Amino acid sequence: MKRKVGIMGGSFDPIHIGHLAVANEVLNIYELDEIIFVPTGDPPHKEGLRADACHRLMMVTMAVLSNDRFSVSDIEIKSSGKSYTLNTLTELHKIYKNTEFYFITGTDAVIDLPNWHEPGEVLKLCRFIAATRPGISLEEVGIKIKGIMEAYGGNIEILKVPMLQISSTDIRERFRTGVSAKYLIPECVEQYIIKNGLYRYGDTRL
């Protein structure tokens, strides 16, 4: 019998309660054996990460410690060049034999799949779970996802989750302006950010 493993990718700059809530919801609904958090190294679609990879990896590692079915992989951080999802999935299939992968991301990322590196090949390697985001029309998303599956094949499912309106951008802004981010991120992550001077007060780059 195949193991069922979720992959939660992202820049996690920083990781917050919303990420953890979505992962836990998918874990329960799809009865997964494990969810692997994969912080991006050099993501092709994002520029200007504020925290170094080592800090983002450490924050994710601390944030998932309390759940024994959550784990962390540094596979993208250790890789050279751009972190393409296709490369990551190919490597994970080599490491985890007899495993069905569920790639967890937001609906906004899923409808952008045609712009990913070799989307057809990516869709062959995993099932996609598109978590709803606040303010996005499910009807519109459903039409776009249907079009993607007709064009590339694969299996994409929309999952309504109790998304908290939290974003890493907002959290970085809070630290920059000296506003508390308590209860929006795990306490251990909050303390790590403060101790290491990440997203510093007064840093206009954030």
C-alpha atoms as a PDB file:
ATOM      1  CA  MET A   1       0.000   0.000   0.000  1.00  0.00           C
ATOM      2  CA  LYS A   2       1.358   3.403  -0.978  1.00  0.00           C
ATOM      3  CA  ARG A   3       2.169   6.005   1.654  1.00  0.00           C
ATOM      4  CA  LYS A   4       0.398   9.321   1.259  1.00  0.00           C
ATOM      5  CA  VAL A   5       2.694  12.283   1.752  1.00  0.00           C
ATOM      6  CA  GLY A   6       1.920  15.964   1.459  1.00  0.00           C
ATOM      7  CA  ILE A   7       4.426  18.538   0.258  1.00  0.00           C
ATOM      8  CA  MET A   8       4.048  22.070   1.590  1.00  0.00           C
ATOM      9  CA  GLY A   9       6.368  24.305  -0.374  1.00  0.00           C
ATOM     10  CA  GLY A  10       6.909  28.007   0.070  1.00  0.00           C
ATOM     11  CA  SER A  11       9.376  30.735   0.890  1.00  0.00           C
ATOM     12  CA  PHE A  12       8.185  30.761   4.551  1.00  0.00           C
ATOM     13  CA  ASP A  13       9.573  34.266   5.014  1.00  0.00           C
ATOM     14  CA  PRO A  14       8.501  33.762   7.801  1.00  0.00           C
ATOM     15  CA  ILE A  15       6.279  30.720   8.398  1.00  0.00           C
ATOM     16  CA  HIS A  16       3.014  31.634  10.168  1.00  0.00           C
ATOM     17  CA  ILE A  17      -0.054  30.083  11.766  1.00  0.00           C
ATOM     18  CA  GLY A  18      -1.944  30.106   8.438  1.00  0.00           C
ATOM     19  CA  HIS A  19       0.606  27.748   6.866  1.00  0.00           C
ATOM     20  CA  LEU A  20       0.339  25.344   9.791  1.00  0.00           C
ATOM     21  CA  ALA A  21      -3.475  25.454   9.885  1.00  0.00           C
ATOM     22  CA  VAL A  22      -3.749  24.602   6.179  1.00  0.00           C
ATOM     23  CA  ALA A  23      -1.224  21.766   6.473  1.00  0.00           C
ATOM     24  CA  ASN A  24      -3.062  20.254   9.426  1.00  0.00           C
ATOM     25  CA  GLU A  25      -6.416  20.487   7.634  1.00  0.00           C
ATOM     26  CA  VAL A  26      -5.041  18.679   4.574  1.00  0.00           C
ATOM     27  CA  LEU A  27      -3.367  16.083   6.797  1.00  0.00           C
ATOM     28  CA  ASN A  28      -6.705  15.233   8.410  1.00  0.00           C
ATOM     29  CA  ILE A  29      -9.023  15.450   5.393  1.00  0.00           C
ATOM     30  CA  TYR A  30      -6.822  13.379   3.065  1.00  0.00           C
ATOM     31  CA  GLU A  31      -5.586  11.090   5.851  1.00  0.00           C
ATOM     32  CA  LEU A  32      -1.959  11.648   4.942  1.00  0.00           C
ATOM     33  CA  ASP A  33       0.865   9.813   6.657  1.00  0.00           C
ATOM     34  CA  GLU A  34       3.144  12.847   6.709  1.00  0.00           C
ATOM     35  CA  ILE A  35       3.523  16.409   5.459  1.00  0.00           C
ATOM     36  CA  ILE A  36       6.960  17.615   4.419  1.00  0.00           C
ATOM     37  CA  PHE A  37       7.587  21.364   4.563  1.00  0.00           C
ATOM     38  CA  VAL A  38      10.027  22.380   1.824  1.00  0.00           C
ATOM     39  CA  PRO A  39      11.402  25.936   2.166  1.00  0.00           C
ATOM     40  CA  THR A  40      12.477  27.317  -1.191  1.00  0.00           C
ATOM     41  CA  GLY A  41      16.096  28.006  -1.920  1.00  0.00           C
ATOM     42  CA  ASP A  42      16.121  30.274  -4.969  1.00  0.00           C
ATOM     43  CA  PRO A  43      12.491  30.330  -6.162  1.00  0.00           C
ATOM     44  CA  PRO A  44      11.994  31.266  -9.849  1.00  0.00           C
ATOM     45  CA  HIS A  45       8.805  33.263  -9.161  1.00  0.00           C
ATOM     46  CA  LYS A  46       9.895  35.302  -6.150  1.00  0.00           C
ATOM     47  CA  GLU A  47      12.549  37.935  -5.823  1.00  0.00           C
ATOM     48  CA  GLY A  48      14.050  39.594  -2.798  1.00  0.00           C
ATOM     49  CA  LEU A  49      13.638  37.121   0.052  1.00  0.00           C
ATOM     50  CA  ARG A  50      14.296  39.031   3.272  1.00  0.00           C
ATOM     51  CA  ALA A  51      15.611  36.242   5.492  1.00  0.00           C
ATOM     52  CA  ASP A  52      18.494  33.978   4.477  1.00  0.00           C
ATOM     53  CA  ALA A  53      17.720  30.353   3.675  1.00  0.00           C
ATOM     54  CA  CYS A  54      19.342  29.107   6.890  1.00  0.00           C
ATOM     55  CA  HIS A  55      17.062  31.332   8.996  1.00  0.00           C
ATOM     56  CA  ARG A  56      13.918  30.329   7.072  1.00  0.00           C
ATOM     57  CA  LEU A  57      14.824  26.638   7.414  1.00  0.00           C
ATOM     58  CA  MET A  58      15.390  27.038  11.148  1.00  0.00           C
ATOM     59  CA  MET A  59      12.070  28.869  11.670  1.00  0.00           C
ATOM     60  CA  VAL A  60      10.143  26.136   9.815  1.00  0.00           C
ATOM     61  CA  THR A  61      11.952  23.409  11.754  1.00  0.00           C
ATOM     62  CA  MET A  62      11.004  24.995  15.075  1.00  0.00           C
ATOM     63  CA  ALA A  63       7.410  25.686  13.983  1.00  0.00           C
ATOM     64  CA  VAL A  64       6.640  22.044  13.113  1.00  0.00           C
ATOM     65  CA  LEU A  65       8.285  20.372  16.123  1.00  0.00           C
ATOM     66  CA  SER A  66       5.003  19.932  17.998  1.00  0.00           C
ATOM     67  CA  ASN A  67       3.433  17.767  15.266  1.00  0.00           C
ATOM     68  CA  ASP A  68       5.022  14.343  14.834  1.00  0.00           C
ATOM     69  CA  ARG A  69       3.548  14.004  11.334  1.00  0.00           C
ATOM     70  CA  PHE A  70       5.167  17.225  10.126  1.00  0.00           C
ATOM     71  CA  SER A  71       8.761  17.164   8.886  1.00  0.00           C
ATOM     72  CA  VAL A  72      11.115  19.513   7.055  1.00  0.00           C
ATOM     73  CA  SER A  73      13.321  18.995   4.011  1.00  0.00           C
ATOM     74  CA  ASP A  74      16.237  21.185   2.949  1.00  0.00           C
ATOM     75  CA  ILE A  75      16.235  19.648  -0.540  1.00  0.00           C
ATOM     76  CA  GLU A  76      15.601  22.971  -2.299  1.00  0.00           C
ATOM     77  CA  ILE A  77      17.875  25.019  -0.076  1.00  0.00           C
ATOM     78  CA  LYS A  78      20.773  22.631  -0.758  1.00  0.00           C
ATOM     79  CA  SER A  79      20.186  22.562  -4.528  1.00  0.00           C
ATOM     80  CA  SER A  80      22.107  24.872  -6.820  1.00  0.00           C
ATOM     81  CA  GLY A  81      20.254  27.191  -9.183  1.00  0.00           C
ATOM     82  CA  LYS A  82      16.515  27.843  -9.316  1.00  0.00           C
ATOM     83  CA  SER A  83      14.193  25.690  -7.188  1.00  0.00           C
ATOM     84  CA  TYR A  84      11.866  24.192  -9.777  1.00  0.00           C
ATOM     85  CA  THR A  85       9.017  22.079  -8.431  1.00  0.00           C
ATOM     86  CA  LEU A  86       9.651  19.451 -11.115  1.00  0.00           C
ATOM     87  CA  ASN A  87      13.206  18.892  -9.857  1.00  0.00           C
ATOM     88  CA  THR A  88      12.048  18.720  -6.249  1.00  0.00           C
ATOM     89  CA  LEU A  89       9.318  16.166  -6.984  1.00  0.00           C
ATOM     90  CA  THR A  90      11.676  14.055  -9.089  1.00  0.00           C
ATOM     91  CA  GLU A  91      14.188  13.900  -6.232  1.00  0.00           C
ATOM     92  CA  LEU A  92      11.522  13.168  -3.609  1.00  0.00           C
ATOM     93  CA  HIS A  93      10.234  10.242  -5.693  1.00  0.00           C
ATOM     94  CA  LYS A  94      13.761   8.802  -5.596  1.00  0.00           C
ATOM     95  CA  ILE A  95      13.959   9.199  -1.811  1.00  0.00           C
ATOM     96  CA  TYR A  96      10.426   8.075  -0.924  1.00  0.00           C
ATOM     97  CA  LYS A  97       9.605   4.838  -2.720  1.00  0.00           C
ATOM     98  CA  ASN A  98       6.023   3.640  -3.177  1.00  0.00           C
ATOM     99  CA  THR A  99       4.613   7.051  -2.225  1.00  0.00           C
ATOM    100  CA  GLU A 100       1.749   9.165  -3.541  1.00  0.00           C
ATOM    101  CA  PHE A 101       2.510  12.872  -3.233  1.00  0.00           C
ATOM    102  CA  TYR A 102       0.002  15.633  -2.568  1.00  0.00           C
ATOM    103  CA  PHE A 103       1.343  19.101  -3.406  1.00  0.00           C
ATOM    104  CA  ILE A 104      -0.327  21.697  -1.184  1.00  0.00           C
ATOM    105  CA  THR A 105      -0.448  25.300  -2.302  1.00  0.00           C
ATOM    106  CA  GLY A 106      -2.834  28.232  -2.660  1.00  0.00           C
ATOM    107  CA  THR A 107      -5.391  28.624  -5.433  1.00  0.00           C
ATOM    108  CA  ASP A 108      -3.476  31.656  -6.730  1.00  0.00           C
ATOM    109  CA  ALA A 109      -0.379  29.517  -7.318  1.00  0.00           C
ATOM    110  CA  VAL A 110      -2.370  26.689  -8.925  1.00  0.00           C
ATOM    111  CA  ILE A 111      -4.041  28.895 -11.533  1.00  0.00           C
ATOM    112  CA  ASP A 112      -0.532  30.093 -12.448  1.00  0.00           C
ATOM    113  CA  LEU A 113       0.559  26.502 -13.226  1.00  0.00           C
ATOM    114  CA  PRO A 114       0.799  27.106 -17.007  1.00  0.00           C
ATOM    115  CA  ASN A 115       3.701  29.475 -16.236  1.00  0.00           C
ATOM    116  CA  TRP A 116       5.578  26.892 -14.172  1.00  0.00           C
ATOM    117  CA  HIS A 117       8.545  24.954 -15.539  1.00  0.00           C
ATOM    118  CA  GLU A 118       7.090  21.976 -17.476  1.00  0.00           C
ATOM    119  CA  PRO A 119       3.648  21.951 -15.805  1.00  0.00           C
ATOM    120  CA  GLY A 120       2.539  18.782 -17.580  1.00  0.00           C
ATOM    121  CA  GLU A 121       5.432  16.816 -16.101  1.00  0.00           C
ATOM    122  CA  VAL A 122       4.801  18.309 -12.642  1.00  0.00           C
ATOM    123  CA  LEU A 123       1.169  17.180 -12.755  1.00  0.00           C
ATOM    124  CA  LYS A 124       2.263  13.620 -13.535  1.00  0.00           C
ATOM    125  CA  LEU A 125       4.246  13.431 -10.309  1.00  0.00           C
ATOM    126  CA  CYS A 126       1.670  14.529  -7.727  1.00  0.00           C
ATOM    127  CA  ARG A 127      -1.901  15.440  -6.932  1.00  0.00           C
ATOM    128  CA  PHE A 128      -2.476  19.135  -6.333  1.00  0.00           C
ATOM    129  CA  ILE A 129      -4.473  20.421  -3.376  1.00  0.00           C
ATOM    130  CA  ALA A 130      -5.439  24.033  -4.021  1.00  0.00           C
ATOM    131  CA  ALA A 131      -6.249  25.693  -0.696  1.00  0.00           C
ATOM    132  CA  THR A 132      -8.715  28.551  -0.937  1.00  0.00           C
ATOM    133  CA  ARG A 133      -7.524  32.084  -0.298  1.00  0.00           C
ATOM    134  CA  PRO A 134      -9.677  34.938   1.028  1.00  0.00           C
ATOM    135  CA  GLY A 135     -11.216  37.154  -1.634  1.00  0.00           C
ATOM    136  CA  ILE A 136     -10.833  34.706  -4.538  1.00  0.00           C
ATOM    137  CA  SER A 137     -13.916  33.557  -6.472  1.00  0.00           C
ATOM    138  CA  LEU A 138     -14.229  29.764  -6.263  1.00  0.00           C
ATOM    139  CA  GLU A 139     -16.293  29.699  -9.452  1.00  0.00           C
ATOM    140  CA  GLU A 140     -13.612  31.572 -11.390  1.00  0.00           C
ATOM    141  CA  VAL A 141     -10.861  29.399  -9.937  1.00  0.00           C
ATOM    142  CA  GLY A 142     -12.813  26.240 -10.777  1.00  0.00           C
ATOM    143  CA  ILE A 143     -13.113  27.267 -14.434  1.00  0.00           C
ATOM    144  CA  LYS A 144      -9.382  28.007 -14.664  1.00  0.00           C
ATOM    145  CA  ILE A 145      -8.418  24.723 -12.995  1.00  0.00           C
ATOM    146  CA  LYS A 146     -10.675  22.775 -15.345  1.00  0.00           C
ATOM    147  CA  GLY A 147      -8.906  24.428 -18.276  1.00  0.00           C
ATOM    148  CA  ILE A 148      -5.479  23.534 -16.843  1.00  0.00           C
ATOM    149  CA  MET A 149      -6.429  19.859 -16.423  1.00  0.00           C
ATOM    150  CA  GLU A 150      -7.822  19.750 -19.967  1.00  0.00           C
ATOM    151  CA  ALA A 151      -4.565  21.186 -21.284  1.00  0.00           C
ATOM    152  CA  TYR A 152      -2.055  19.294 -19.133  1.00  0.00           C
ATOM    153  CA  GLY A 153      -3.906  16.426 -17.458  1.00  0.00           C
ATOM    154  CA  GLY A 154      -3.311  15.671 -13.818  1.00  0.00           C
ATOM    155  CA  ASN A 155      -5.453  15.837 -10.708  1.00  0.00           C
ATOM    156  CA  ILE A 156      -6.174  19.190  -9.044  1.00  0.00           C
ATOM    157  CA  GLU A 157      -8.640  19.505  -6.186  1.00  0.00           C
ATOM    158  CA  ILE A 158      -9.903  22.677  -4.525  1.00  0.00           C
ATOM    159  CA  LEU A 159     -10.058  22.475  -0.752  1.00  0.00           C
ATOM    160  CA  LYS A 160     -11.990  24.985   1.317  1.00  0.00           C
ATOM    161  CA  VAL A 161      -9.976  25.559   4.446  1.00  0.00           C
ATOM    162  CA  PRO A 162     -10.450  27.949   7.360  1.00  0.00           C
ATOM    163  CA  MET A 163      -7.842  30.319   5.982  1.00  0.00           C
ATOM    164  CA  LEU A 164      -6.707  32.947   8.394  1.00  0.00           C
ATOM    165  CA  GLN A 165      -6.057  36.263   6.720  1.00  0.00           C
ATOM    166  CA  ILE A 166      -2.386  36.227   7.594  1.00  0.00           C
ATOM    167  CA  SER A 167       0.470  36.853   5.197  1.00  0.00           C
ATOM    168  CA  SER A 168       4.231  36.766   5.543  1.00  0.00           C
ATOM    169  CA  THR A 169       4.330  40.230   3.964  1.00  0.00           C
ATOM    170  CA  ASP A 170       2.124  41.614   6.752  1.00  0.00           C
ATOM    171  CA  ILE A 171       4.232  39.935   9.416  1.00  0.00           C
ATOM    172  CA  ARG A 172       7.453  41.377   7.996  1.00  0.00           C
ATOM    173  CA  GLU A 173       5.794  44.809   7.946  1.00  0.00           C
ATOM    174  CA  ARG A 174       4.793  44.414  11.600  1.00  0.00           C
ATOM    175  CA  PHE A 175       8.373  43.715  12.609  1.00  0.00           C
ATOM    176  CA  ARG A 176       9.610  46.592  10.469  1.00  0.00           C
ATOM    177  CA  THR A 177       7.248  49.058  12.097  1.00  0.00           C
ATOM    178  CA  GLY A 178       7.498  47.671  15.614  1.00  0.00           C
ATOM    179  CA  VAL A 179       3.945  46.242  15.762  1.00  0.00           C
ATOM    180  CA  SER A 180       3.444  42.947  17.604  1.00  0.00           C
ATOM    181  CA  ALA A 181       2.952  39.789  15.526  1.00  0.00           C
ATOM    182  CA  LYS A 182       2.094  37.690  18.577  1.00  0.00           C
ATOM    183  CA  TYR A 183      -0.393  34.829  17.927  1.00  0.00           C
ATOM    184  CA  LEU A 184       0.084  35.208  14.147  1.00  0.00           C
ATOM    185  CA  ILE A 185       3.275  33.142  14.220  1.00  0.00           C
ATOM    186  CA  PRO A 186       4.422  30.411  16.609  1.00  0.00           C
ATOM    187  CA  GLU A 187       6.018  31.884  19.729  1.00  0.00           C
ATOM    188  CA  CYS A 188       9.311  30.116  19.023  1.00  0.00           C
ATOM    189  CA  VAL A 189       9.443  31.735  15.579  1.00  0.00           C
ATOM    190  CA  GLU A 190       8.653  35.145  17.039  1.00  0.00           C
ATOM    191  CA  GLN A 191      11.506  34.800  19.534  1.00  0.00           C
ATOM    192  CA  TYR A 192      13.876  33.575  16.814  1.00  0.00           C
ATOM    193  CA  ILE A 193      13.104  36.615  14.629  1.00  0.00           C
ATOM    194  CA  ILE A 194      13.703  38.984  17.537  1.00  0.00           C
ATOM    195  CA  LYS A 195      16.897  37.227  18.673  1.00  0.00           C
ATOM    196  CA  ASN A 196      18.392  37.225  15.172  1.00  0.00           C
ATOM    197  CA  GLY A 197      17.265  40.715  14.213  1.00  0.00           C
ATOM    198  CA  LEU A 198      15.279  39.597  11.161  1.00  0.00           C
ATOM    199  CA  TYR A 199      12.900  42.026   9.405  1.00  0.00           C
ATOM    200  CA  ARG A 200      14.423  44.817  11.457  1.00  0.00           C
ATOM    201  CA  TYR A 201      12.548  47.855  12.700  1.00  0.00           C
ATOM    202  CA  GLY A 202      13.092  50.683  10.253  1.00  0.00           C
ATOM    203  CA  ASP A 203      14.209  48.472   7.311  1.00  0.00           C
ATOM    204  CA  THR A 204      12.466  50.139   4.354  1.00  0.00           C
ATOM    205  CA  ARG A 205      13.254  47.201   2.019  1.00  0.00           C
ATOM    206  CA  LEU A 206      10.503  45.070   3.591  1.00  0.00           C
END
